[in-house]
Amino acid sequence: MTRKYFGTDGIRGTANVDPMTAEVALKVGMAAGRQFIRGDHRHKVVIGKDTRLSGYLLEPALTAGFIAVGMDVVLVGPMPTPAVAMLTQSLRADIGVVISASHNPFEDNGIKLFGPDGYKLSDEVEKAIEARMDNGLSEGRAGPHDLGRAMRLEDAPGRYIEYVKRTFPARCTLDGFKIVVDCANGAAYKVAPTVLYELGAEVIPIGVEPDGFNINKGCGSTDTKRMREEVIASGAHLGIAVDGDADRILMCDETGTMLDGDQMMTIVAESWLREGRLKGNGVVSTVMSNLGFERYLGGLGLTLERTAVGDRYVVEHMRARGFNIGGEQSGHIILTDYCTTGDALIAALQTLAVLVEKQMPVSQASRAWSHIPQQLRNVRHSGGRVHEHAEVTKAVEAARKRLGKAGRVLVRPSGTEPLIRVMVEAEDQALVAALMDDIMHAVERASRAT
């Protein structure tokens, strides 16, 4: 059965346009509530959101849906996605919900669901919820005496702040560190600067004035220019940029040079390997991770196991194979010793712990390996399976034939936006550029034809 509403990271779309409407949100609340009502106990759902204006549209609709099937609702307001996952477990809730479109512009919004264990739902459970949304809402409504109630958890930020701080080694301190933190005018605009300050850092916060419209706009992990400029201007030791819901992180060193998720995973994995903490004898990432990363891990006797794009596929593989470090080049980093989903703050603190203990600048810690030249480009389309068009597959096969085993080509549809994403990677940068042009022309022609 093909999924109708859910993509690679929940349900996502333009606010107040199907499927991101109050009507759909109401259905999600009722269907997901029914899916997770098990037993006679009083059932509970935790709902958090980012700072988008449309959160005010979707939050009450979801709340009404859960209340209608007899679930109590705990509202935590603007909070990072990993905070909601943590609170779902901590409060012994039956389900967690995040209203966010992550790194997308404010016009979009989304609904992400977590099970009682704090992990994102499997494809099978999402399909079951979709079936209920379309066919099963007439049953299971609570009677007048059994309706749920809604309450606001006022100390939710404090609970998360203390939880994150406890993941930082007690023997370490951030005293003497000057850190620029860009919160993307999103869900972490209060908690991220607080965590870093309370651990001892001098904090220069930017992207901490959300107005409902400016989330991810010229800031955060999707636009790091301001962060890099501030690091250089202020003489900071490093910069940290998160996305709108703070499950993704990118960093820059003291010179403003960027570090991606592959490099941060390298720093943490090497440290955990030395300490005997690394599980699975390697790292889990996606098909997008750089070939240089894979080769470097191989030199350490470690493996890089790749999955489809999407942090939940990484997590599923980690759980199935016993790994405790995984993530994506884009900055989703999952450290399952501490969290069940990507957590920008925990990833930052584990990276910082290595820098503190080695007493080295970020620029030195990030030079373990060099990136193999890689180009990433996107083409917006109006629908259809453009990536499977004959002209595109012909161009991709021609590129793969030219590269042989010396490089990689990947063409895939985005799971969160109407985009075709193209990646070409090889040692020869000129060849990468030429092959990328060939494939992009094919994708653009196919997009116009579909």
Protein backbone atom coordinates (compact mmCIF):
# COMPACT_ATOMS: atom_id res chain seq x y z
CA MET A 1 0.00 0.00 0.00
CA THR A 2 1.42 3.40 -1.01
CA ARG A 3 1.44 6.00 1.74
CA LYS A 4 -0.98 8.85 1.10
CA TYR A 5 0.00 11.36 3.77
CA PHE A 6 3.35 10.38 5.28
CA GLY A 7 6.71 11.03 3.66
CA THR A 8 10.22 10.34 4.92
CA ASP A 9 9.72 12.59 7.95
CA GLY A 10 6.06 12.65 8.86
CA ILE A 11 3.42 14.65 7.01
CA ARG A 12 4.58 17.91 5.45
CA GLY A 13 3.26 20.60 3.11
CA THR A 14 2.22 24.22 2.71
CA ALA A 15 0.30 25.51 5.72
CA ASN A 16 -3.49 25.58 5.31
CA VAL A 17 -3.22 23.68 2.03
CA ASP A 18 -3.98 19.97 1.92
CA PRO A 19 -2.55 17.96 3.68
CA MET A 20 -1.43 20.66 6.14
CA THR A 21 -4.94 21.73 7.09
CA ALA A 22 -6.82 21.75 10.37
CA GLU A 23 -9.11 19.04 8.99
CA VAL A 24 -6.21 16.67 8.30
CA ALA A 25 -4.60 17.49 11.66
CA LEU A 26 -7.86 16.61 13.41
CA LYS A 27 -7.89 13.28 11.58
CA VAL A 28 -4.27 12.61 12.51
CA GLY A 29 -5.07 13.22 16.17
CA MET A 30 -8.05 10.89 16.16
CA ALA A 31 -6.38 8.16 14.09
CA ALA A 32 -3.03 8.22 15.90
CA GLY A 33 -4.83 8.35 19.23
CA ARG A 34 -6.87 5.26 18.38
CA GLN A 35 -3.73 3.51 17.13
CA PHE A 36 -1.99 3.97 20.49
CA ILE A 37 -4.87 3.43 22.90
CA ARG A 38 -3.91 0.12 24.49
CA GLY A 39 -5.21 -0.99 27.86
CA ASP A 40 -7.37 0.68 30.49
CA HIS A 41 -4.92 3.32 31.76
CA ARG A 42 -5.44 7.03 31.18
CA HIS A 43 -3.74 7.66 27.86
CA LYS A 44 -1.52 10.68 27.22
CA VAL A 45 0.04 12.51 24.25
CA VAL A 46 2.80 15.14 24.31
CA ILE A 47 2.53 17.87 21.65
CA GLY A 48 5.36 20.30 20.87
CA LYS A 49 5.94 22.67 17.99
CA ASP A 50 8.41 25.11 16.46
CA THR A 51 7.80 28.84 16.00
CA ARG A 52 5.84 28.97 12.73
CA LEU A 53 2.65 31.00 12.63
CA SER A 54 0.72 27.97 11.38
CA GLY A 55 1.47 26.13 14.62
CA TYR A 56 -1.49 28.06 16.04
CA LEU A 57 -3.66 26.43 13.35
CA LEU A 58 -2.50 22.85 13.71
CA GLU A 59 -1.94 22.56 17.47
CA PRO A 60 -5.61 23.04 18.47
CA ALA A 61 -6.81 20.72 15.70
CA LEU A 62 -4.47 17.93 16.80
CA THR A 63 -5.43 18.55 20.42
CA ALA A 64 -9.12 18.23 19.56
CA GLY A 65 -8.50 14.99 17.71
CA PHE A 66 -6.70 13.36 20.60
CA ILE A 67 -9.25 14.61 23.15
CA ALA A 68 -12.07 13.23 20.97
CA VAL A 69 -10.76 9.68 21.37
CA GLY A 70 -10.16 10.04 25.10
CA MET A 71 -6.47 10.99 25.26
CA ASP A 72 -5.13 13.62 27.64
CA VAL A 73 -2.93 16.19 25.91
CA VAL A 74 0.25 17.70 27.37
CA LEU A 75 1.21 20.89 25.52
CA VAL A 76 4.87 21.96 25.75
CA GLY A 77 4.90 24.84 23.27
CA PRO A 78 7.97 25.62 21.14
CA MET A 79 10.45 22.85 21.89
CA PRO A 80 13.06 20.96 19.83
CA THR A 81 11.95 17.72 18.22
CA PRO A 82 14.35 15.64 20.37
CA ALA A 83 12.92 17.31 23.50
CA VAL A 84 9.46 16.02 22.61
CA ALA A 85 10.87 12.53 22.03
CA MET A 86 12.57 12.67 25.43
CA LEU A 87 9.48 13.99 27.21
CA THR A 88 7.31 11.30 25.61
CA GLN A 89 9.43 8.70 27.38
CA SER A 90 9.93 10.69 30.59
CA LEU A 91 6.21 11.36 31.09
CA ARG A 92 5.27 7.78 30.16
CA ALA A 93 3.12 9.15 27.37
CA ASP A 94 1.64 6.88 24.72
CA ILE A 95 2.61 9.06 21.78
CA GLY A 96 4.54 12.24 21.01
CA VAL A 97 3.80 14.80 18.30
CA VAL A 98 5.95 17.57 16.85
CA ILE A 99 4.40 20.28 14.68
CA SER A 100 7.30 21.38 12.49
CA ALA A 101 8.62 21.44 8.95
CA SER A 102 12.20 21.31 10.20
CA HIS A 103 14.49 23.24 7.82
CA ASN A 104 11.71 24.36 5.44
CA PRO A 105 10.57 28.01 5.18
CA PHE A 106 7.78 29.31 7.42
CA GLU A 107 5.10 28.75 4.74
CA ASP A 108 5.42 24.99 5.28
CA ASN A 109 4.58 22.92 8.30
CA GLY A 110 4.51 19.27 9.24
CA ILE A 111 3.46 16.65 11.77
CA LYS A 112 5.97 14.13 13.16
CA LEU A 113 4.93 11.26 15.42
CA PHE A 114 6.85 9.33 18.06
CA GLY A 115 5.87 6.11 19.79
CA PRO A 116 5.95 5.63 23.58
CA ASP A 117 9.61 4.57 23.33
CA GLY A 118 10.55 7.97 21.86
CA TYR A 119 11.37 6.59 18.41
CA LYS A 120 9.77 7.69 15.15
CA LEU A 121 7.07 5.39 13.85
CA SER A 122 7.73 2.63 11.35
CA ASP A 123 6.27 2.64 7.85
CA GLU A 124 3.83 -0.06 8.94
CA VAL A 125 2.43 1.97 11.83
CA GLU A 126 2.15 5.07 9.64
CA LYS A 127 0.21 3.04 7.08
CA ALA A 128 -2.13 1.82 9.81
CA ILE A 129 -2.75 5.41 10.94
CA GLU A 130 -3.46 6.44 7.35
CA ALA A 131 -5.99 3.62 7.02
CA ARG A 132 -7.76 4.86 10.14
CA MET A 133 -7.72 8.44 8.85
CA ASP A 134 -9.60 7.43 5.71
CA ASN A 135 -11.80 4.66 7.05
CA GLY A 136 -11.86 4.36 10.83
CA LEU A 137 -12.84 7.67 12.43
CA SER A 138 -16.51 6.81 12.98
CA GLU A 139 -15.48 4.27 15.62
CA GLY A 140 -13.65 4.81 18.86
CA ARG A 141 -14.91 8.26 19.79
CA ALA A 142 -14.96 8.80 23.52
CA GLY A 143 -18.24 9.33 25.35
CA PRO A 144 -18.98 12.65 27.08
CA HIS A 145 -17.56 11.39 30.38
CA ASP A 146 -14.42 9.93 28.76
CA LEU A 147 -13.14 12.87 26.74
CA GLY A 148 -9.52 13.80 27.26
CA ARG A 149 -8.22 16.97 28.89
CA ALA A 150 -5.47 19.38 27.85
CA MET A 151 -2.82 20.89 30.10
CA ARG A 152 0.36 22.90 29.58
CA LEU A 153 3.65 21.60 31.01
CA GLU A 154 5.29 24.82 32.18
CA ASP A 155 8.64 23.27 33.16
CA ALA A 156 9.21 21.42 29.85
CA PRO A 157 12.18 23.61 28.79
CA GLY A 158 13.88 23.15 32.16
CA ARG A 159 13.46 19.39 32.03
CA TYR A 160 15.08 19.23 28.62
CA ILE A 161 17.89 21.63 29.49
CA GLU A 162 18.89 19.55 32.51
CA TYR A 163 18.67 16.32 30.52
CA VAL A 164 20.97 17.66 27.79
CA LYS A 165 23.47 19.06 30.29
CA ARG A 166 23.79 15.65 31.95
CA THR A 167 25.08 14.18 28.69
CA PHE A 168 28.17 16.40 28.88
CA PRO A 169 31.01 14.70 30.80
CA ALA A 170 31.10 15.89 34.42
CA ARG A 171 34.89 16.23 34.19
CA CYS A 172 34.57 18.80 31.39
CA THR A 173 33.61 22.46 31.31
CA LEU A 174 33.10 25.01 28.57
CA ASP A 175 34.85 27.72 30.57
CA GLY A 176 36.97 29.81 28.21
CA PHE A 177 34.97 28.88 25.09
CA LYS A 178 33.32 31.64 23.10
CA ILE A 179 30.55 30.11 20.99
CA VAL A 180 28.22 31.63 18.41
CA VAL A 181 24.94 29.71 18.37
CA ASP A 182 22.41 30.30 15.58
CA CYS A 183 18.99 29.01 16.61
CA ALA A 184 17.28 29.64 13.24
CA ASN A 185 14.54 31.65 14.99
CA GLY A 186 13.14 28.22 15.72
CA ALA A 187 12.31 25.80 18.49
CA ALA A 188 15.71 26.00 20.25
CA TYR A 189 15.82 29.78 20.55
CA LYS A 190 15.64 29.63 24.36
CA VAL A 191 17.10 26.26 25.31
CA ALA A 192 20.25 26.17 23.14
CA PRO A 193 21.89 29.38 24.47
CA THR A 194 20.90 28.39 28.02
CA VAL A 195 22.55 24.95 27.84
CA LEU A 196 25.83 26.36 26.53
CA TYR A 197 25.86 29.23 29.03
CA GLU A 198 25.14 27.02 32.02
CA LEU A 199 28.00 24.70 31.03
CA GLY A 200 30.39 27.64 31.18
CA ALA A 201 30.62 29.09 27.67
CA GLU A 202 30.49 32.71 26.63
CA VAL A 203 27.52 32.60 24.26
CA ILE A 204 26.77 34.88 21.32
CA PRO A 205 23.18 33.97 20.34
CA ILE A 206 21.72 34.83 16.94
CA GLY A 207 18.46 33.71 15.33
CA VAL A 208 16.68 34.01 18.68
CA GLU A 209 13.90 36.47 17.80
CA PRO A 210 11.12 34.36 16.24
CA ASP A 211 8.10 36.22 14.92
CA GLY A 212 6.22 33.37 13.25
CA PHE A 213 7.59 34.22 9.82
CA ASN A 214 11.41 34.24 10.11
CA ILE A 215 12.18 30.63 11.00
CA ASN A 216 15.16 29.44 8.88
CA LYS A 217 15.13 32.78 7.01
CA GLY A 218 18.73 33.85 6.40
CA CYS A 219 19.85 31.89 9.43
CA GLY A 220 20.23 28.42 10.93
CA SER A 221 21.76 25.34 9.38
CA THR A 222 20.29 26.11 5.94
CA ASP A 223 22.00 29.51 5.72
CA THR A 224 25.20 29.70 7.79
CA LYS A 225 26.63 32.94 6.36
CA ARG A 226 25.65 35.10 9.33
CA MET A 227 26.99 32.57 11.82
CA ARG A 228 30.34 32.32 10.05
CA GLU A 229 30.66 36.09 9.83
CA GLU A 230 29.86 36.45 13.53
CA VAL A 231 32.44 33.83 14.50
CA ILE A 232 35.17 35.72 12.64
CA ALA A 233 34.05 39.16 13.81
CA SER A 234 33.81 38.15 17.48
CA GLY A 235 36.88 35.92 17.59
CA ALA A 236 34.75 32.98 18.72
CA HIS A 237 36.20 29.48 18.98
CA LEU A 238 33.40 27.98 16.89
CA GLY A 239 29.88 28.41 15.62
CA ILE A 240 26.86 26.14 15.98
CA ALA A 241 23.84 26.35 13.68
CA VAL A 242 20.67 24.32 14.18
CA ASP A 243 17.59 24.04 12.00
CA GLY A 244 14.03 25.05 12.83
CA ASP A 245 13.26 22.10 15.10
CA ALA A 246 16.85 21.57 16.33
CA ASP A 247 17.26 17.96 15.30
CA ARG A 248 19.95 19.00 12.79
CA ILE A 249 23.29 20.73 13.40
CA LEU A 250 26.18 22.14 11.40
CA MET A 251 29.30 23.73 12.88
CA CYS A 252 32.08 26.02 11.76
CA ASP A 253 35.59 26.33 13.13
CA GLU A 254 37.33 29.48 14.33
CA THR A 255 38.10 30.50 10.72
CA GLY A 256 34.47 30.19 9.60
CA THR A 257 35.14 26.91 7.72
CA MET A 258 32.15 24.59 7.86
CA LEU A 259 31.95 21.10 9.35
CA ASP A 260 29.20 18.78 8.15
CA GLY A 261 27.59 15.79 9.83
CA ASP A 262 30.19 13.38 8.47
CA GLN A 263 33.01 15.34 10.11
CA MET A 264 31.24 15.64 13.46
CA MET A 265 30.50 11.92 13.46
CA THR A 266 34.19 11.27 12.77
CA ILE A 267 35.26 13.32 15.81
CA VAL A 268 32.85 11.55 18.14
CA ALA A 269 33.38 8.06 16.69
CA GLU A 270 37.18 8.25 17.02
CA SER A 271 36.83 9.38 20.63
CA TRP A 272 34.35 6.66 21.51
CA LEU A 273 36.53 4.07 19.76
CA ARG A 274 39.49 5.02 21.96
CA GLU A 275 37.32 4.86 25.07
CA GLY A 276 35.85 1.48 24.13
CA ARG A 277 32.36 2.96 23.86
CA LEU A 278 31.76 2.55 20.12
CA LYS A 279 29.24 -0.15 19.29
CA GLY A 280 28.73 -2.00 16.02
CA ASN A 281 32.35 -1.50 14.92
CA GLY A 282 31.39 1.45 12.79
CA VAL A 283 28.92 4.19 11.96
CA VAL A 284 25.57 4.21 10.17
CA SER A 285 24.87 6.94 7.63
CA THR A 286 23.05 7.39 4.34
CA VAL A 287 23.92 7.11 0.69
CA MET A 288 24.71 10.85 0.78
CA SER A 289 27.73 10.59 3.11
CA ASN A 290 31.06 11.46 1.53
CA LEU A 291 33.29 8.72 0.16
CA GLY A 292 36.22 10.27 2.03
CA PHE A 293 34.39 9.58 5.31
CA GLU A 294 33.88 5.94 4.37
CA ARG A 295 37.54 5.51 3.40
CA TYR A 296 38.77 7.12 6.61
CA LEU A 297 36.62 4.86 8.78
CA GLY A 298 37.95 1.89 6.80
CA GLY A 299 41.49 2.94 7.71
CA LEU A 300 40.49 2.76 11.38
CA GLY A 301 39.13 -0.75 10.89
CA LEU A 302 35.56 0.53 11.05
CA THR A 303 32.68 0.22 8.62
CA LEU A 304 30.27 2.79 7.23
CA GLU A 305 26.90 1.15 6.73
CA ARG A 306 24.64 3.16 4.43
CA THR A 307 20.86 3.47 4.41
CA ALA A 308 18.25 5.33 2.40
CA VAL A 309 18.07 9.08 3.02
CA GLY A 310 16.13 9.93 6.16
CA ASP A 311 17.23 9.90 9.78
CA ARG A 312 14.58 7.40 10.80
CA TYR A 313 16.04 4.85 8.37
CA VAL A 314 19.41 5.43 9.98
CA VAL A 315 17.90 4.88 13.43
CA GLU A 316 16.11 1.71 12.33
CA HIS A 317 19.39 0.30 11.02
CA MET A 318 21.24 1.31 14.19
CA ARG A 319 18.69 -0.44 16.39
CA ALA A 320 18.64 -3.56 14.25
CA ARG A 321 22.45 -3.88 14.08
CA GLY A 322 23.52 -2.54 17.47
CA PHE A 323 25.26 0.72 16.47
CA ASN A 324 25.31 3.77 18.75
CA ILE A 325 26.53 6.46 16.32
CA GLY A 326 24.70 7.33 13.13
CA GLY A 327 23.45 10.26 11.16
CA GLU A 328 23.41 12.20 7.95
CA GLN A 329 25.86 14.48 6.20
CA SER A 330 23.19 17.20 6.46
CA GLY A 331 23.59 17.27 10.24
CA HIS A 332 21.12 14.82 11.72
CA ILE A 333 23.30 13.02 14.27
CA ILE A 334 21.85 10.24 16.42
CA LEU A 335 23.78 9.10 19.48
CA THR A 336 21.60 6.38 20.92
CA ASP A 337 23.44 6.28 24.24
CA TYR A 338 21.58 9.55 24.89
CA CYS A 339 18.73 10.08 22.45
CA THR A 340 16.28 8.32 20.15
CA THR A 341 16.40 10.82 17.29
CA GLY A 342 18.67 13.53 15.92
CA ASP A 343 19.55 16.01 18.67
CA ALA A 344 21.58 19.08 17.67
CA LEU A 345 22.49 20.06 21.22
CA ILE A 346 23.62 16.62 22.33
CA ALA A 347 25.66 16.21 19.13
CA ALA A 348 27.26 19.61 19.76
CA LEU A 349 28.14 18.73 23.36
CA GLN A 350 29.69 15.39 22.43
CA THR A 351 31.81 17.13 19.81
CA LEU A 352 32.77 19.85 22.26
CA ALA A 353 33.72 17.27 24.89
CA VAL A 354 36.39 15.92 22.50
CA LEU A 355 37.73 19.42 21.86
CA VAL A 356 37.91 20.14 25.58
CA GLU A 357 39.72 16.92 26.42
CA LYS A 358 42.16 17.14 23.49
CA GLN A 359 42.64 20.88 24.03
CA MET A 360 42.62 21.50 20.31
CA PRO A 361 40.77 23.94 18.05
CA VAL A 362 37.92 22.77 15.88
CA SER A 363 39.98 23.33 12.73
CA GLN A 364 42.55 20.78 13.86
CA ALA A 365 40.01 18.19 15.02
CA SER A 366 38.16 18.34 11.69
CA ARG A 367 41.17 17.68 9.44
CA ALA A 368 41.21 13.90 9.84
CA TRP A 369 40.20 13.35 6.21
CA SER A 370 39.51 15.31 3.04
CA HIS A 371 36.22 15.37 1.20
CA ILE A 372 36.04 13.65 -2.15
CA PRO A 373 34.64 16.30 -4.56
CA GLN A 374 30.88 16.11 -4.40
CA GLN A 375 28.20 18.22 -6.01
CA LEU A 376 24.62 18.40 -4.75
CA ARG A 377 21.92 20.14 -6.78
CA ASN A 378 18.13 20.30 -6.71
CA VAL A 379 15.45 20.68 -9.38
CA ARG A 380 11.94 21.73 -8.38
CA HIS A 381 9.14 19.85 -10.15
CA SER A 382 5.36 19.86 -10.25
CA GLY A 383 4.82 16.14 -9.69
CA GLY A 384 5.34 12.75 -11.26
CA ARG A 385 8.23 10.30 -11.02
CA VAL A 386 10.74 12.49 -12.83
CA HIS A 387 13.71 10.52 -11.50
CA GLU A 388 12.42 7.40 -13.32
CA HIS A 389 12.00 9.10 -16.70
CA ALA A 390 13.86 7.29 -19.48
CA GLU A 391 16.02 10.31 -20.31
CA VAL A 392 17.12 10.62 -16.67
CA THR A 393 17.92 6.95 -16.22
CA LYS A 394 19.91 7.01 -19.45
CA ALA A 395 22.00 9.97 -18.25
CA VAL A 396 22.57 8.37 -14.85
CA GLU A 397 23.69 5.07 -16.35
CA ALA A 398 26.07 6.88 -18.71
CA ALA A 399 27.58 8.76 -15.76
CA ARG A 400 27.99 5.59 -13.69
CA LYS A 401 29.67 3.86 -16.60
CA ARG A 402 32.19 6.71 -16.92
CA LEU A 403 32.91 6.71 -13.18
CA GLY A 404 33.15 2.96 -12.67
CA LYS A 405 34.24 2.33 -9.06
CA ALA A 406 35.91 5.73 -8.77
CA GLY A 407 32.77 7.64 -7.84
CA ARG A 408 29.04 7.64 -7.17
CA VAL A 409 25.86 9.07 -8.70
CA LEU A 410 22.53 9.41 -6.92
CA VAL A 411 19.24 10.85 -8.23
CA ARG A 412 16.28 10.75 -5.88
CA PRO A 413 13.06 12.60 -5.06
CA SER A 414 13.03 14.57 -1.82
CA GLY A 415 10.77 13.07 0.80
CA THR A 416 9.88 16.49 2.24
CA GLU A 417 9.77 18.93 -0.70
CA PRO A 418 8.81 18.81 -4.43
CA LEU A 419 12.45 18.48 -5.48
CA ILE A 420 14.63 16.04 -7.37
CA ARG A 421 18.00 15.83 -5.62
CA VAL A 422 21.11 14.98 -7.65
CA MET A 423 24.49 14.02 -6.21
CA VAL A 424 27.70 13.27 -8.15
CA GLU A 425 30.94 12.35 -6.38
CA ALA A 426 34.41 11.48 -7.69
CA GLU A 427 38.10 12.35 -7.32
CA ASP A 428 38.10 14.34 -10.58
CA GLN A 429 36.29 17.60 -9.89
CA ALA A 430 36.03 18.57 -13.55
CA LEU A 431 34.45 15.22 -14.35
CA VAL A 432 32.00 15.67 -11.47
CA ALA A 433 30.93 19.05 -12.86
CA ALA A 434 30.51 17.71 -16.39
CA LEU A 435 28.47 14.70 -15.31
CA MET A 436 26.33 16.86 -13.04
CA ASP A 437 25.52 19.17 -15.96
CA ASP A 438 24.53 16.20 -18.14
CA ILE A 439 22.22 14.76 -15.48
CA MET A 440 20.70 18.12 -14.54
CA HIS A 441 19.84 18.86 -18.16
CA ALA A 442 18.15 15.46 -18.41
CA VAL A 443 16.20 16.03 -15.17
CA GLU A 444 15.08 19.49 -16.27
CA ARG A 445 13.88 18.18 -19.66
CA ALA A 446 12.08 15.27 -18.01
CA SER A 447 10.47 17.61 -15.49
CA ARG A 448 9.02 19.76 -18.28
CA ALA A 449 7.76 16.65 -20.05
CA THR A 450 5.91 15.16 -17.05
